[in-house]
Amino acid sequence: MSGDEDLRRLRWRCRRGLLELDLILLRFVDECYPVLTEVEQSGFQELLSLPDATLLDYLAGRDKPADKALREIVRKIR
């Protein structure tokens, strides 16, 4: 699979049930994801597996992930 195909699939995974999340996540993928380390990219993909409400709470600063690596990715997104 090509890098373009991987990025296209990742962008699709960023499409959520909340427009706010769509906008935040898609912008991050387009502007920042390609320069993240592999560990950071894995952390971002792990964030995408979370429920919308949890992810929105993290990105809005109402809550924070227990995992340090996920906290760092949330910080970069914010």
PDB file of N, CA and C in Angstrom:
ATOM      1  N   MET A   1       0.850  -1.170   0.000  1.00  0.00           N
ATOM      2  CA  MET A   1       0.000   0.000   0.000  1.00  0.00           C
ATOM      3  C   MET A   1       0.901   1.241   0.000  1.00  0.00           C
ATOM      4  N   SER A   2       0.527   2.210  -0.765  1.00  0.00           N
ATOM      5  CA  SER A   2       1.327   3.424  -0.897  1.00  0.00           C
ATOM      6  C   SER A   2       1.076   4.374   0.270  1.00  0.00           C
ATOM      7  N   GLY A   3       1.998   5.324   0.437  1.00  0.00           N
ATOM      8  CA  GLY A   3       1.830   6.335   1.475  1.00  0.00           C
ATOM      9  C   GLY A   3       0.586   7.171   1.252  1.00  0.00           C
ATOM     10  N   ASP A   4       0.282   7.458  -0.026  1.00  0.00           N
ATOM     11  CA  ASP A   4      -0.929   8.231  -0.337  1.00  0.00           C
ATOM     12  C   ASP A   4      -2.179   7.464   0.057  1.00  0.00           C
ATOM     13  N   GLU A   5      -2.172   6.170  -0.177  1.00  0.00           N
ATOM     14  CA  GLU A   5      -3.316   5.331   0.184  1.00  0.00           C
ATOM     15  C   GLU A   5      -3.476   5.274   1.708  1.00  0.00           C
ATOM     16  N   ASP A   6      -2.366   5.142   2.409  1.00  0.00           N
ATOM     17  CA  ASP A   6      -2.397   5.128   3.877  1.00  0.00           C
ATOM     18  C   ASP A   6      -2.985   6.433   4.419  1.00  0.00           C
ATOM     19  N   LEU A   7      -2.538   7.546   3.850  1.00  0.00           N
ATOM     20  CA  LEU A   7      -3.022   8.849   4.293  1.00  0.00           C
ATOM     21  C   LEU A   7      -4.505   9.023   3.975  1.00  0.00           C
ATOM     22  N   ARG A   8      -4.929   8.540   2.829  1.00  0.00           N
ATOM     23  CA  ARG A   8      -6.345   8.617   2.462  1.00  0.00           C
ATOM     24  C   ARG A   8      -7.198   7.828   3.460  1.00  0.00           C
ATOM     25  N   ARG A   9      -6.736   6.646   3.822  1.00  0.00           N
ATOM     26  CA  ARG A   9      -7.483   5.827   4.788  1.00  0.00           C
ATOM     27  C   ARG A   9      -7.495   6.479   6.172  1.00  0.00           C
ATOM     28  N   LEU A  10      -6.380   7.067   6.543  1.00  0.00           N
ATOM     29  CA  LEU A  10      -6.321   7.746   7.835  1.00  0.00           C
ATOM     30  C   LEU A  10      -7.281   8.931   7.857  1.00  0.00           C
ATOM     31  N   ARG A  11      -7.318   9.687   6.771  1.00  0.00           N
ATOM     32  CA  ARG A  11      -8.256  10.814   6.684  1.00  0.00           C
ATOM     33  C   ARG A  11      -9.696  10.316   6.827  1.00  0.00           C
ATOM     34  N   TRP A  12      -9.995   9.160   6.240  1.00  0.00           N
ATOM     35  CA  TRP A  12     -11.346   8.606   6.352  1.00  0.00           C
ATOM     36  C   TRP A  12     -11.652   8.260   7.810  1.00  0.00           C
ATOM     37  N   ARG A  13     -10.672   7.712   8.524  1.00  0.00           N
ATOM     38  CA  ARG A  13     -10.866   7.373   9.941  1.00  0.00           C
ATOM     39  C   ARG A  13     -11.093   8.620  10.796  1.00  0.00           C
ATOM     40  N   CYS A  14     -10.625   9.771  10.325  1.00  0.00           N
ATOM     41  CA  CYS A  14     -10.807  11.029  11.058  1.00  0.00           C
ATOM     42  C   CYS A  14     -12.219  11.573  10.920  1.00  0.00           C
ATOM     43  N   ARG A  15     -12.995  11.041  10.003  1.00  0.00           N
ATOM     44  CA  ARG A  15     -14.378  11.487   9.835  1.00  0.00           C
ATOM     45  C   ARG A  15     -15.184  10.905  10.988  1.00  0.00           C
ATOM     46  N   ARG A  16     -15.708  11.774  11.815  1.00  0.00           N
ATOM     47  CA  ARG A  16     -16.394  11.357  13.033  1.00  0.00           C
ATOM     48  C   ARG A  16     -17.845  11.777  12.990  1.00  0.00           C
ATOM     49  N   GLY A  17     -18.538  11.553  14.082  1.00  0.00           N
ATOM     50  CA  GLY A  17     -19.931  11.956  14.173  1.00  0.00           C
ATOM     51  C   GLY A  17     -20.111  13.417  14.552  1.00  0.00           C
ATOM     52  N   LEU A  18     -19.028  14.072  14.913  1.00  0.00           N
ATOM     53  CA  LEU A  18     -19.081  15.470  15.327  1.00  0.00           C
ATOM     54  C   LEU A  18     -18.226  16.315  14.382  1.00  0.00           C
ATOM     55  N   LEU A  19     -18.820  17.341  13.819  1.00  0.00           N
ATOM     56  CA  LEU A  19     -18.113  18.203  12.878  1.00  0.00           C
ATOM     57  C   LEU A  19     -16.859  18.805  13.505  1.00  0.00           C
ATOM     58  N   GLU A  20     -16.935  19.163  14.777  1.00  0.00           N
ATOM     59  CA  GLU A  20     -15.782  19.752  15.458  1.00  0.00           C
ATOM     60  C   GLU A  20     -14.581  18.818  15.399  1.00  0.00           C
ATOM     61  N   LEU A  21     -14.825  17.536  15.652  1.00  0.00           N
ATOM     62  CA  LEU A  21     -13.740  16.558  15.593  1.00  0.00           C
ATOM     63  C   LEU A  21     -13.221  16.396  14.174  1.00  0.00           C
ATOM     64  N   ASP A  22     -14.131  16.342  13.213  1.00  0.00           N
ATOM     65  CA  ASP A  22     -13.706  16.233  11.805  1.00  0.00           C
ATOM     66  C   ASP A  22     -12.720  17.342  11.464  1.00  0.00           C
ATOM     67  N   LEU A  23     -13.082  18.560  11.785  1.00  0.00           N
ATOM     68  CA  LEU A  23     -12.254  19.707  11.424  1.00  0.00           C
ATOM     69  C   LEU A  23     -10.889  19.669  12.109  1.00  0.00           C
ATOM     70  N   ILE A  24     -10.884  19.370  13.388  1.00  0.00           N
ATOM     71  CA  ILE A  24      -9.634  19.329  14.156  1.00  0.00           C
ATOM     72  C   ILE A  24      -8.733  18.212  13.656  1.00  0.00           C
ATOM     73  N   LEU A  25      -9.292  17.017  13.532  1.00  0.00           N
ATOM     74  CA  LEU A  25      -8.487  15.852  13.172  1.00  0.00           C
ATOM     75  C   LEU A  25      -7.983  15.916  11.738  1.00  0.00           C
ATOM     76  N   LEU A  26      -8.831  16.322  10.817  1.00  0.00           N
ATOM     77  CA  LEU A  26      -8.400  16.393   9.420  1.00  0.00           C
ATOM     78  C   LEU A  26      -7.309  17.444   9.234  1.00  0.00           C
ATOM     79  N   ARG A  27      -7.443  18.561   9.901  1.00  0.00           N
ATOM     80  CA  ARG A  27      -6.406  19.590   9.805  1.00  0.00           C
ATOM     81  C   ARG A  27      -5.087  19.064  10.357  1.00  0.00           C
ATOM     82  N   PHE A  28      -5.138  18.361  11.482  1.00  0.00           N
ATOM     83  CA  PHE A  28      -3.930  17.800  12.073  1.00  0.00           C
ATOM     84  C   PHE A  28      -3.282  16.792  11.128  1.00  0.00           C
ATOM     85  N   VAL A  29      -4.082  15.923  10.544  1.00  0.00           N
ATOM     86  CA  VAL A  29      -3.535  14.924   9.623  1.00  0.00           C
ATOM     87  C   VAL A  29      -2.865  15.604   8.435  1.00  0.00           C
ATOM     88  N   ASP A  30      -3.516  16.584   7.873  1.00  0.00           N
ATOM     89  CA  ASP A  30      -2.969  17.260   6.699  1.00  0.00           C
ATOM     90  C   ASP A  30      -1.695  18.050   7.008  1.00  0.00           C
ATOM     91  N   GLU A  31      -1.652  18.693   8.164  1.00  0.00           N
ATOM     92  CA  GLU A  31      -0.545  19.597   8.471  1.00  0.00           C
ATOM     93  C   GLU A  31       0.577  18.977   9.297  1.00  0.00           C
ATOM     94  N   CYS A  32       0.261  18.001  10.136  1.00  0.00           N
ATOM     95  CA  CYS A  32       1.255  17.529  11.103  1.00  0.00           C
ATOM     96  C   CYS A  32       1.583  16.042  11.046  1.00  0.00           C
ATOM     97  N   TYR A  33       0.613  15.225  10.697  1.00  0.00           N
ATOM     98  CA  TYR A  33       0.809  13.778  10.788  1.00  0.00           C
ATOM     99  C   TYR A  33       2.044  13.280  10.037  1.00  0.00           C
ATOM    100  N   PRO A  34       2.297  13.748   8.815  1.00  0.00           N
ATOM    101  CA  PRO A  34       3.449  13.216   8.067  1.00  0.00           C
ATOM    102  C   PRO A  34       4.803  13.423   8.749  1.00  0.00           C
ATOM    103  N   VAL A  35       4.926  14.411   9.613  1.00  0.00           N
ATOM    104  CA  VAL A  35       6.216  14.661  10.258  1.00  0.00           C
ATOM    105  C   VAL A  35       6.313  14.071  11.670  1.00  0.00           C
ATOM    106  N   LEU A  36       5.277  13.386  12.116  1.00  0.00           N
ATOM    107  CA  LEU A  36       5.318  12.728  13.421  1.00  0.00           C
ATOM    108  C   LEU A  36       6.229  11.506  13.366  1.00  0.00           C
ATOM    109  N   THR A  37       6.774  11.131  14.508  1.00  0.00           N
ATOM    110  CA  THR A  37       7.535   9.888  14.586  1.00  0.00           C
ATOM    111  C   THR A  37       6.562   8.710  14.464  1.00  0.00           C
ATOM    112  N   GLU A  38       7.093   7.525  14.250  1.00  0.00           N
ATOM    113  CA  GLU A  38       6.239   6.342  14.155  1.00  0.00           C
ATOM    114  C   GLU A  38       5.468   6.123  15.451  1.00  0.00           C
ATOM    115  N   VAL A  39       6.106   6.371  16.580  1.00  0.00           N
ATOM    116  CA  VAL A  39       5.447   6.214  17.880  1.00  0.00           C
ATOM    117  C   VAL A  39       4.294   7.203  17.999  1.00  0.00           C
ATOM    118  N   GLU A  40       4.523   8.436  17.589  1.00  0.00           N
ATOM    119  CA  GLU A  40       3.470   9.452  17.645  1.00  0.00           C
ATOM    120  C   GLU A  40       2.334   9.115  16.678  1.00  0.00           C
ATOM    121  N   GLN A  41       2.671   8.634  15.503  1.00  0.00           N
ATOM    122  CA  GLN A  41       1.640   8.234  14.547  1.00  0.00           C
ATOM    123  C   GLN A  41       0.791   7.098  15.110  1.00  0.00           C
ATOM    124  N   SER A  42       1.433   6.150  15.776  1.00  0.00           N
ATOM    125  CA  SER A  42       0.687   5.055  16.416  1.00  0.00           C
ATOM    126  C   SER A  42      -0.229   5.589  17.511  1.00  0.00           C
ATOM    127  N   GLY A  43       0.258   6.539  18.284  1.00  0.00           N
ATOM    128  CA  GLY A  43      -0.560   7.153  19.326  1.00  0.00           C
ATOM    129  C   GLY A  43      -1.763   7.873  18.742  1.00  0.00           C
ATOM    130  N   PHE A  44      -1.551   8.573  17.640  1.00  0.00           N
ATOM    131  CA  PHE A  44      -2.669   9.254  16.985  1.00  0.00           C
ATOM    132  C   PHE A  44      -3.702   8.243  16.518  1.00  0.00           C
ATOM    133  N   GLN A  45      -3.245   7.166  15.926  1.00  0.00           N
ATOM    134  CA  GLN A  45      -4.177   6.144  15.459  1.00  0.00           C
ATOM    135  C   GLN A  45      -4.920   5.499  16.627  1.00  0.00           C
ATOM    136  N   GLU A  46      -4.242   5.375  17.764  1.00  0.00           N
ATOM    137  CA  GLU A  46      -4.911   4.865  18.965  1.00  0.00           C
ATOM    138  C   GLU A  46      -6.009   5.829  19.424  1.00  0.00           C
ATOM    139  N   LEU A  47      -5.734   7.129  19.357  1.00  0.00           N
ATOM    140  CA  LEU A  47      -6.753   8.127  19.711  1.00  0.00           C
ATOM    141  C   LEU A  47      -7.999   7.962  18.855  1.00  0.00           C
ATOM    142  N   LEU A  48      -7.816   7.641  17.584  1.00  0.00           N
ATOM    143  CA  LEU A  48      -8.951   7.500  16.679  1.00  0.00           C
ATOM    144  C   LEU A  48      -9.862   6.338  17.048  1.00  0.00           C
ATOM    145  N   SER A  49      -9.376   5.425  17.873  1.00  0.00           N
ATOM    146  CA  SER A  49     -10.205   4.286  18.291  1.00  0.00           C
ATOM    147  C   SER A  49     -11.109   4.636  19.476  1.00  0.00           C
ATOM    148  N   LEU A  50     -10.916   5.826  20.043  1.00  0.00           N
ATOM    149  CA  LEU A  50     -11.716   6.246  21.198  1.00  0.00           C
ATOM    150  C   LEU A  50     -13.091   6.734  20.761  1.00  0.00           C
ATOM    151  N   PRO A  51     -14.069   6.643  21.665  1.00  0.00           N
ATOM    152  CA  PRO A  51     -15.396   7.209  21.362  1.00  0.00           C
ATOM    153  C   PRO A  51     -15.304   8.722  21.160  1.00  0.00           C
ATOM    154  N   ASP A  52     -16.201   9.249  20.348  1.00  0.00           N
ATOM    155  CA  ASP A  52     -16.207  10.677  20.037  1.00  0.00           C
ATOM    156  C   ASP A  52     -16.244  11.547  21.290  1.00  0.00           C
ATOM    157  N   ALA A  53     -17.095  11.201  22.245  1.00  0.00           N
ATOM    158  CA  ALA A  53     -17.250  12.024  23.447  1.00  0.00           C
ATOM    159  C   ALA A  53     -15.937  12.093  24.235  1.00  0.00           C
ATOM    160  N   THR A  54     -15.255  10.978  24.360  1.00  0.00           N
ATOM    161  CA  THR A  54     -13.976  10.941  25.077  1.00  0.00           C
ATOM    162  C   THR A  54     -12.937  11.768  24.345  1.00  0.00           C
ATOM    163  N   LEU A  55     -12.867  11.571  23.041  1.00  0.00           N
ATOM    164  CA  LEU A  55     -11.896  12.312  22.242  1.00  0.00           C
ATOM    165  C   LEU A  55     -12.157  13.817  22.301  1.00  0.00           C
ATOM    166  N   LEU A  56     -13.403  14.205  22.233  1.00  0.00           N
ATOM    167  CA  LEU A  56     -13.744  15.623  22.317  1.00  0.00           C
ATOM    168  C   LEU A  56     -13.361  16.198  23.682  1.00  0.00           C
ATOM    169  N   ASP A  57     -13.605  15.444  24.743  1.00  0.00           N
ATOM    170  CA  ASP A  57     -13.199  15.899  26.078  1.00  0.00           C
ATOM    171  C   ASP A  57     -11.692  16.108  26.157  1.00  0.00           C
ATOM    172  N   TYR A  58     -10.919  15.198  25.579  1.00  0.00           N
ATOM    173  CA  TYR A  58      -9.462  15.342  25.578  1.00  0.00           C
ATOM    174  C   TYR A  58      -9.037  16.587  24.809  1.00  0.00           C
ATOM    175  N   LEU A  59      -9.582  16.755  23.630  1.00  0.00           N
ATOM    176  CA  LEU A  59      -9.156  17.861  22.771  1.00  0.00           C
ATOM    177  C   LEU A  59      -9.655  19.216  23.271  1.00  0.00           C
ATOM    178  N   ALA A  60     -10.752  19.201  24.005  1.00  0.00           N
ATOM    179  CA  ALA A  60     -11.278  20.442  24.578  1.00  0.00           C
ATOM    180  C   ALA A  60     -10.638  20.766  25.922  1.00  0.00           C
ATOM    181  N   GLY A  61      -9.824  19.865  26.444  1.00  0.00           N
ATOM    182  CA  GLY A  61      -9.149  20.097  27.714  1.00  0.00           C
ATOM    183  C   GLY A  61      -9.986  19.800  28.939  1.00  0.00           C
ATOM    184  N   ARG A  62     -11.124  19.149  28.754  1.00  0.00           N
ATOM    185  CA  ARG A  62     -11.987  18.805  29.894  1.00  0.00           C
ATOM    186  C   ARG A  62     -11.512  17.560  30.624  1.00  0.00           C
ATOM    187  N   ASP A  63     -10.686  16.758  29.962  1.00  0.00           N
ATOM    188  CA  ASP A  63     -10.146  15.529  30.538  1.00  0.00           C
ATOM    189  C   ASP A  63      -8.803  15.294  29.863  1.00  0.00           C
ATOM    190  N   LYS A  64      -8.032  14.351  30.401  1.00  0.00           N
ATOM    191  CA  LYS A  64      -6.765  14.012  29.758  1.00  0.00           C
ATOM    192  C   LYS A  64      -6.553  12.507  29.831  1.00  0.00           C
ATOM    193  N   PRO A  65      -5.889  11.963  28.823  1.00  0.00           N
ATOM    194  CA  PRO A  65      -5.637  10.524  28.824  1.00  0.00           C
ATOM    195  C   PRO A  65      -4.698  10.137  29.964  1.00  0.00           C
ATOM    196  N   ALA A  66      -4.888   8.949  30.484  1.00  0.00           N
ATOM    197  CA  ALA A  66      -4.003   8.444  31.528  1.00  0.00           C
ATOM    198  C   ALA A  66      -2.618   8.121  30.953  1.00  0.00           C
ATOM    199  N   ASP A  67      -2.584   7.687  29.710  1.00  0.00           N
ATOM    200  CA  ASP A  67      -1.348   7.298  29.051  1.00  0.00           C
ATOM    201  C   ASP A  67      -0.541   8.537  28.648  1.00  0.00           C
ATOM    202  N   LYS A  68       0.723   8.559  29.022  1.00  0.00           N
ATOM    203  CA  LYS A  68       1.581   9.718  28.758  1.00  0.00           C
ATOM    204  C   LYS A  68       1.740   9.985  27.256  1.00  0.00           C
ATOM    205  N   ALA A  69       1.913   8.931  26.464  1.00  0.00           N
ATOM    206  CA  ALA A  69       2.092   9.102  25.020  1.00  0.00           C
ATOM    207  C   ALA A  69       0.842   9.712  24.383  1.00  0.00           C
ATOM    208  N   LEU A  70      -0.325   9.271  24.829  1.00  0.00           N
ATOM    209  CA  LEU A  70      -1.565   9.840  24.303  1.00  0.00           C
ATOM    210  C   LEU A  70      -1.732  11.296  24.731  1.00  0.00           C
ATOM    211  N   ARG A  71      -1.334  11.602  25.959  1.00  0.00           N
ATOM    212  CA  ARG A  71      -1.386  13.002  26.415  1.00  0.00           C
ATOM    213  C   ARG A  71      -0.531  13.893  25.523  1.00  0.00           C
ATOM    214  N   GLU A  72       0.620  13.403  25.109  1.00  0.00           N
ATOM    215  CA  GLU A  72       1.509  14.177  24.258  1.00  0.00           C
ATOM    216  C   GLU A  72       0.896  14.424  22.887  1.00  0.00           C
ATOM    217  N   ILE A  73       0.243  13.413  22.318  1.00  0.00           N
ATOM    218  CA  ILE A  73      -0.402  13.583  21.023  1.00  0.00           C
ATOM    219  C   ILE A  73      -1.564  14.587  21.150  1.00  0.00           C
ATOM    220  N   VAL A  74      -2.327  14.470  22.216  1.00  0.00           N
ATOM    221  CA  VAL A  74      -3.423  15.418  22.447  1.00  0.00           C
ATOM    222  C   VAL A  74      -2.863  16.830  22.546  1.00  0.00           C
ATOM    223  N   ARG A  75      -1.754  16.987  23.243  1.00  0.00           N
ATOM    224  CA  ARG A  75      -1.122  18.298  23.380  1.00  0.00           C
ATOM    225  C   ARG A  75      -0.729  18.842  22.006  1.00  0.00           C
ATOM    226  N   LYS A  76      -0.176  18.001  21.158  1.00  0.00           N
ATOM    227  CA  LYS A  76       0.225  18.440  19.811  1.00  0.00           C
ATOM    228  C   LYS A  76      -0.980  18.827  18.967  1.00  0.00           C
ATOM    229  N   ILE A  77      -2.047  18.088  19.099  1.00  0.00           N
ATOM    230  CA  ILE A  77      -3.263  18.401  18.339  1.00  0.00           C
ATOM    231  C   ILE A  77      -3.836  19.733  18.808  1.00  0.00           C
ATOM    232  N   ARG A  78      -3.877  19.928  20.110  1.00  0.00           N
ATOM    233  CA  ARG A  78      -4.442  21.170  20.667  1.00  0.00           C
ATOM    234  C   ARG A  78      -3.581  22.344  20.285  1.00  0.00           C
TER     235      ARG A  78
END
